[in-house]
Amino acid sequence: MASKELIHKLEQTIQNIPDFPQPGIQFKDITPIFLNPKLYEEVIEDLANFSRGKVDAVCGIESRGYLFGIAIAVALEVPFILIRKKGKLPPPFVSEKYNLEYGTSEIEMREGQLKPGQRILIHDDLLATGGTTEAAARLVEKQGGIVSEFSFLIGLKDLNGAERLKKFNAEVYTVLEY
């Protein structure tokens, strides 16, 4: 669990942008974190400590999952595996479709980068409804990986994303919840 000090720093740093990208949405702008290298380091250390010794690789979800996911993997000294939007990776790849509020989307991972039996941390910047993260977990399982943990900088608890991920029997960690 993040320290009260780290949570306070993040609450003072992350900006709330009302009505973006559409009316009624309260966008959480994490970009000010990157203006403060010490704070970024603290966040990476907190996220890495959650998974230290418990995972064999980190999968990050495009694109904001890369902002922290790569650094987490480096801190843990484990591989980082990209999960990308459809059409962004050369073959061979595996894909997973999932439902959005209006329509469907698809994510992909290069085939063979994840080894069967590897314990995987799936990281993204924000957990909302959990739809994209659930698809990422199914993608990991398709290749024989074991989803052992999920981590997020921010969790929007009213949207119940963590509840949706319970089926994977993996730990869910968020640094900051709104």
C-alpha atoms as a PDB file:
ATOM      1  CA  MET A   1       0.000   0.000   0.000  1.00  0.00           C
ATOM      2  CA  ALA A   2       1.265   3.446  -0.915  1.00  0.00           C
ATOM      3  CA  SER A   3       2.396   5.690   1.906  1.00  0.00           C
ATOM      4  CA  LYS A   4       0.162   8.562   2.975  1.00  0.00           C
ATOM      5  CA  GLU A   5       2.958  10.887   1.924  1.00  0.00           C
ATOM      6  CA  LEU A   6       3.058   9.509  -1.632  1.00  0.00           C
ATOM      7  CA  ILE A   7      -0.715   9.597  -1.911  1.00  0.00           C
ATOM      8  CA  HIS A   8      -0.742  13.221  -0.737  1.00  0.00           C
ATOM      9  CA  LYS A   9       1.953  14.195  -3.269  1.00  0.00           C
ATOM     10  CA  LEU A  10       0.011  12.539  -6.074  1.00  0.00           C
ATOM     11  CA  GLU A  11      -3.258  14.173  -5.045  1.00  0.00           C
ATOM     12  CA  GLN A  12      -1.478  17.536  -5.184  1.00  0.00           C
ATOM     13  CA  THR A  13       0.087  16.744  -8.577  1.00  0.00           C
ATOM     14  CA  ILE A  14      -2.571  14.944 -10.640  1.00  0.00           C
ATOM     15  CA  GLN A  15      -4.908  17.461 -12.216  1.00  0.00           C
ATOM     16  CA  ASN A  16      -8.642  16.979 -12.542  1.00  0.00           C
ATOM     17  CA  ILE A  17      -9.893  18.253 -15.908  1.00  0.00           C
ATOM     18  CA  PRO A  18     -13.711  18.535 -15.893  1.00  0.00           C
ATOM     19  CA  ASP A  19     -15.744  17.667 -18.992  1.00  0.00           C
ATOM     20  CA  PHE A  20     -12.833  16.136 -20.927  1.00  0.00           C
ATOM     21  CA  PRO A  21     -12.882  14.385 -23.352  1.00  0.00           C
ATOM     22  CA  GLN A  22     -16.661  14.824 -23.160  1.00  0.00           C
ATOM     23  CA  PRO A  23     -19.199  16.436 -20.826  1.00  0.00           C
ATOM     24  CA  GLY A  24     -19.570  14.637 -17.496  1.00  0.00           C
ATOM     25  CA  ILE A  25     -16.106  13.020 -17.550  1.00  0.00           C
ATOM     26  CA  GLN A  26     -13.576  14.042 -14.889  1.00  0.00           C
ATOM     27  CA  PHE A  27     -10.246  13.397 -16.652  1.00  0.00           C
ATOM     28  CA  LYS A  28      -7.305  12.622 -14.352  1.00  0.00           C
ATOM     29  CA  ASP A  29      -4.242  14.239 -15.965  1.00  0.00           C
ATOM     30  CA  ILE A  30      -1.148  12.337 -14.826  1.00  0.00           C
ATOM     31  CA  THR A  31       1.302  14.266 -17.039  1.00  0.00           C
ATOM     32  CA  PRO A  32       2.428  16.633 -14.227  1.00  0.00           C
ATOM     33  CA  ILE A  33       4.031  13.591 -12.533  1.00  0.00           C
ATOM     34  CA  PHE A  34       6.591  13.512 -15.351  1.00  0.00           C
ATOM     35  CA  LEU A  35       7.693  17.054 -14.528  1.00  0.00           C
ATOM     36  CA  ASN A  36       8.937  15.821 -11.154  1.00  0.00           C
ATOM     37  CA  PRO A  37      11.555  13.056 -11.570  1.00  0.00           C
ATOM     38  CA  LYS A  38      11.718  12.365  -7.824  1.00  0.00           C
ATOM     39  CA  LEU A  39       7.955  11.840  -7.618  1.00  0.00           C
ATOM     40  CA  TYR A  40       8.049   9.597 -10.709  1.00  0.00           C
ATOM     41  CA  GLU A  41      10.813   7.554  -9.022  1.00  0.00           C
ATOM     42  CA  GLU A  42       8.698   7.209  -5.870  1.00  0.00           C
ATOM     43  CA  VAL A  43       5.723   5.977  -7.896  1.00  0.00           C
ATOM     44  CA  ILE A  44       7.860   3.406  -9.737  1.00  0.00           C
ATOM     45  CA  GLU A  45       9.368   2.195  -6.468  1.00  0.00           C
ATOM     46  CA  ASP A  46       5.895   1.814  -4.922  1.00  0.00           C
ATOM     47  CA  LEU A  47       4.556  -0.093  -7.931  1.00  0.00           C
ATOM     48  CA  ALA A  48       7.688  -2.259  -8.187  1.00  0.00           C
ATOM     49  CA  ASN A  49       7.582  -3.109  -4.473  1.00  0.00           C
ATOM     50  CA  PHE A  50       4.065  -4.493  -4.924  1.00  0.00           C
ATOM     51  CA  SER A  51       5.363  -7.070  -7.426  1.00  0.00           C
ATOM     52  CA  ARG A  52       8.953  -7.629  -6.339  1.00  0.00           C
ATOM     53  CA  GLY A  53       9.813 -11.338  -6.426  1.00  0.00           C
ATOM     54  CA  LYS A  54       6.317 -12.331  -7.549  1.00  0.00           C
ATOM     55  CA  VAL A  55       6.379 -11.892 -11.357  1.00  0.00           C
ATOM     56  CA  ASP A  56       8.476 -13.059 -14.293  1.00  0.00           C
ATOM     57  CA  ALA A  57       7.434 -10.311 -16.755  1.00  0.00           C
ATOM     58  CA  VAL A  58       5.395  -7.120 -16.997  1.00  0.00           C
ATOM     59  CA  CYS A  59       2.808  -6.523 -19.719  1.00  0.00           C
ATOM     60  CA  GLY A  60       1.848  -2.897 -20.336  1.00  0.00           C
ATOM     61  CA  ILE A  61      -1.319  -1.807 -22.096  1.00  0.00           C
ATOM     62  CA  GLU A  62      -0.965   0.802 -24.860  1.00  0.00           C
ATOM     63  CA  SER A  63      -0.220   3.551 -24.465  1.00  0.00           C
ATOM     64  CA  ARG A  64      -0.222   5.003 -20.986  1.00  0.00           C
ATOM     65  CA  GLY A  65       0.514   1.605 -19.463  1.00  0.00           C
ATOM     66  CA  TYR A  66       3.972   1.971 -20.993  1.00  0.00           C
ATOM     67  CA  LEU A  67       4.717   5.186 -19.066  1.00  0.00           C
ATOM     68  CA  PHE A  68       5.138   3.290 -15.806  1.00  0.00           C
ATOM     69  CA  GLY A  69       5.187  -0.338 -16.975  1.00  0.00           C
ATOM     70  CA  ILE A  70       8.588  -0.211 -18.658  1.00  0.00           C
ATOM     71  CA  ALA A  71      10.171   1.403 -15.596  1.00  0.00           C
ATOM     72  CA  ILE A  72       8.514  -1.177 -13.314  1.00  0.00           C
ATOM     73  CA  ALA A  73       9.981  -3.987 -15.433  1.00  0.00           C
ATOM     74  CA  VAL A  74      13.435  -2.366 -15.312  1.00  0.00           C
ATOM     75  CA  ALA A  75      13.192  -1.965 -11.519  1.00  0.00           C
ATOM     76  CA  LEU A  76      12.170  -5.628 -11.196  1.00  0.00           C
ATOM     77  CA  GLU A  77      14.791  -6.754 -13.729  1.00  0.00           C
ATOM     78  CA  VAL A  78      12.182  -8.665 -15.765  1.00  0.00           C
ATOM     79  CA  PRO A  79      11.093  -8.415 -19.415  1.00  0.00           C
ATOM     80  CA  PHE A  80       8.498  -5.890 -20.590  1.00  0.00           C
ATOM     81  CA  ILE A  81       5.933  -7.075 -23.141  1.00  0.00           C
ATOM     82  CA  LEU A  82       3.825  -4.667 -25.184  1.00  0.00           C
ATOM     83  CA  ILE A  83       0.061  -5.035 -25.501  1.00  0.00           C
ATOM     84  CA  ARG A  84      -0.952  -2.872 -28.443  1.00  0.00           C
ATOM     85  CA  LYS A  85      -4.032  -1.748 -30.299  1.00  0.00           C
ATOM     86  CA  LYS A  86      -4.975  -3.756 -33.387  1.00  0.00           C
ATOM     87  CA  GLY A  87      -2.747  -3.248 -36.405  1.00  0.00           C
ATOM     88  CA  LYS A  88       0.308  -1.856 -34.599  1.00  0.00           C
ATOM     89  CA  LEU A  89       2.412  -5.032 -34.354  1.00  0.00           C
ATOM     90  CA  PRO A  90       3.979  -7.104 -37.124  1.00  0.00           C
ATOM     91  CA  PRO A  91       3.053 -10.783 -37.310  1.00  0.00           C
ATOM     92  CA  PRO A  92       3.017 -13.237 -35.755  1.00  0.00           C
ATOM     93  CA  PHE A  93       0.697 -11.959 -33.051  1.00  0.00           C
ATOM     94  CA  VAL A  94      -2.273 -13.099 -31.000  1.00  0.00           C
ATOM     95  CA  SER A  95      -5.312 -10.905 -30.548  1.00  0.00           C
ATOM     96  CA  GLU A  96      -8.288 -10.487 -28.257  1.00  0.00           C
ATOM     97  CA  LYS A  97     -11.528  -8.637 -29.018  1.00  0.00           C
ATOM     98  CA  TYR A  98     -13.520  -6.942 -26.296  1.00  0.00           C
ATOM     99  CA  ASN A  99     -16.634  -4.831 -25.943  1.00  0.00           C
ATOM    100  CA  LEU A 100     -16.685  -1.093 -25.477  1.00  0.00           C
ATOM    101  CA  GLU A 101     -19.645   1.029 -24.488  1.00  0.00           C
ATOM    102  CA  TYR A 102     -20.427   1.500 -28.197  1.00  0.00           C
ATOM    103  CA  GLY A 103     -18.888  -1.233 -30.343  1.00  0.00           C
ATOM    104  CA  THR A 104     -15.821  -3.414 -29.990  1.00  0.00           C
ATOM    105  CA  SER A 105     -12.074  -3.047 -29.977  1.00  0.00           C
ATOM    106  CA  GLU A 106      -9.112  -5.392 -30.243  1.00  0.00           C
ATOM    107  CA  ILE A 107      -5.655  -5.641 -28.684  1.00  0.00           C
ATOM    108  CA  GLU A 108      -2.638  -7.674 -29.749  1.00  0.00           C
ATOM    109  CA  MET A 109       0.617  -9.110 -28.424  1.00  0.00           C
ATOM    110  CA  ARG A 110       3.563 -10.523 -30.362  1.00  0.00           C
ATOM    111  CA  GLU A 111       3.419 -14.284 -30.348  1.00  0.00           C
ATOM    112  CA  GLY A 112       6.225 -16.018 -28.464  1.00  0.00           C
ATOM    113  CA  GLN A 113       7.391 -13.082 -26.341  1.00  0.00           C
ATOM    114  CA  LEU A 114       5.551 -14.433 -23.332  1.00  0.00           C
ATOM    115  CA  LYS A 115       6.638 -17.886 -22.224  1.00  0.00           C
ATOM    116  CA  PRO A 116       4.103 -20.465 -20.978  1.00  0.00           C
ATOM    117  CA  GLY A 117       3.985 -20.590 -17.202  1.00  0.00           C
ATOM    118  CA  GLN A 118       5.404 -17.091 -16.699  1.00  0.00           C
ATOM    119  CA  ARG A 119       3.799 -15.127 -13.864  1.00  0.00           C
ATOM    120  CA  ILE A 120       2.633 -11.851 -15.369  1.00  0.00           C
ATOM    121  CA  LEU A 121       1.943  -8.405 -13.958  1.00  0.00           C
ATOM    122  CA  ILE A 122      -0.441  -6.452 -16.193  1.00  0.00           C
ATOM    123  CA  HIS A 123      -0.006  -2.708 -15.741  1.00  0.00           C
ATOM    124  CA  ASP A 124      -2.004   0.277 -16.957  1.00  0.00           C
ATOM    125  CA  ASP A 125      -2.238   3.844 -15.729  1.00  0.00           C
ATOM    126  CA  LEU A 126      -5.933   3.758 -14.827  1.00  0.00           C
ATOM    127  CA  LEU A 127      -8.520   1.146 -13.881  1.00  0.00           C
ATOM    128  CA  ALA A 128     -12.049   2.193 -14.797  1.00  0.00           C
ATOM    129  CA  THR A 129     -14.524  -0.508 -15.908  1.00  0.00           C
ATOM    130  CA  GLY A 130     -11.749  -3.081 -16.443  1.00  0.00           C
ATOM    131  CA  GLY A 131     -12.763  -4.087 -19.981  1.00  0.00           C
ATOM    132  CA  THR A 132      -9.397  -3.477 -21.642  1.00  0.00           C
ATOM    133  CA  THR A 133      -7.525  -5.016 -18.714  1.00  0.00           C
ATOM    134  CA  GLU A 134      -9.749  -8.099 -18.785  1.00  0.00           C
ATOM    135  CA  ALA A 135      -8.989  -8.501 -22.518  1.00  0.00           C
ATOM    136  CA  ALA A 136      -5.256  -8.137 -21.771  1.00  0.00           C
ATOM    137  CA  ALA A 137      -5.517 -10.888 -19.157  1.00  0.00           C
ATOM    138  CA  ARG A 138      -7.265 -13.198 -21.642  1.00  0.00           C
ATOM    139  CA  LEU A 139      -4.499 -12.429 -24.144  1.00  0.00           C
ATOM    140  CA  VAL A 140      -1.859 -13.447 -21.573  1.00  0.00           C
ATOM    141  CA  GLU A 141      -3.755 -16.657 -20.806  1.00  0.00           C
ATOM    142  CA  LYS A 142      -4.044 -17.498 -24.532  1.00  0.00           C
ATOM    143  CA  GLN A 143      -0.260 -17.722 -24.616  1.00  0.00           C
ATOM    144  CA  GLY A 144      -0.014 -19.837 -21.477  1.00  0.00           C
ATOM    145  CA  GLY A 145       0.940 -17.042 -19.100  1.00  0.00           C
ATOM    146  CA  ILE A 146      -0.393 -16.811 -15.557  1.00  0.00           C
ATOM    147  CA  VAL A 147      -1.895 -13.463 -14.635  1.00  0.00           C
ATOM    148  CA  SER A 148      -0.667 -13.086 -11.082  1.00  0.00           C
ATOM    149  CA  GLU A 149      -1.062  -9.337 -10.552  1.00  0.00           C
ATOM    150  CA  PHE A 150      -2.612  -6.162 -11.915  1.00  0.00           C
ATOM    151  CA  SER A 151      -1.320  -2.708 -11.035  1.00  0.00           C
ATOM    152  CA  PHE A 152      -2.579   0.788 -11.763  1.00  0.00           C
ATOM    153  CA  LEU A 153      -1.592   4.298 -10.802  1.00  0.00           C
ATOM    154  CA  ILE A 154      -5.268   5.281 -10.411  1.00  0.00           C
ATOM    155  CA  GLY A 155      -8.417   3.295  -9.710  1.00  0.00           C
ATOM    156  CA  LEU A 156     -11.919   4.710 -10.190  1.00  0.00           C
ATOM    157  CA  LYS A 157     -13.681   2.628  -7.552  1.00  0.00           C
ATOM    158  CA  ASP A 158     -17.240   3.622  -8.526  1.00  0.00           C
ATOM    159  CA  LEU A 159     -16.767   1.917 -11.914  1.00  0.00           C
ATOM    160  CA  ASN A 160     -16.025  -1.486 -10.287  1.00  0.00           C
ATOM    161  CA  GLY A 161     -13.127  -2.510 -12.536  1.00  0.00           C
ATOM    162  CA  ALA A 162     -11.422  -4.449  -9.731  1.00  0.00           C
ATOM    163  CA  GLU A 163     -14.582  -6.519  -9.318  1.00  0.00           C
ATOM    164  CA  ARG A 164     -14.431  -7.494 -13.001  1.00  0.00           C
ATOM    165  CA  LEU A 165     -10.840  -8.722 -12.597  1.00  0.00           C
ATOM    166  CA  LYS A 166     -11.547 -11.023  -9.631  1.00  0.00           C
ATOM    167  CA  LYS A 167     -12.139 -13.963 -11.988  1.00  0.00           C
ATOM    168  CA  PHE A 168      -8.384 -14.089 -12.636  1.00  0.00           C
ATOM    169  CA  ASN A 169      -7.554 -14.768  -8.955  1.00  0.00           C
ATOM    170  CA  ALA A 170      -4.809 -12.161  -9.160  1.00  0.00           C
ATOM    171  CA  GLU A 171      -3.917  -9.349  -6.796  1.00  0.00           C
ATOM    172  CA  VAL A 172      -5.096  -5.875  -7.858  1.00  0.00           C
ATOM    173  CA  TYR A 173      -3.127  -2.849  -6.689  1.00  0.00           C
ATOM    174  CA  THR A 174      -3.856   0.815  -7.204  1.00  0.00           C
ATOM    175  CA  VAL A 175      -1.640   3.548  -5.827  1.00  0.00           C
ATOM    176  CA  LEU A 176      -4.441   6.112  -5.652  1.00  0.00           C
ATOM    177  CA  GLU A 177      -8.225   5.701  -5.715  1.00  0.00           C
ATOM    178  CA  TYR A 178     -10.936   8.165  -6.554  1.00  0.00           C
END
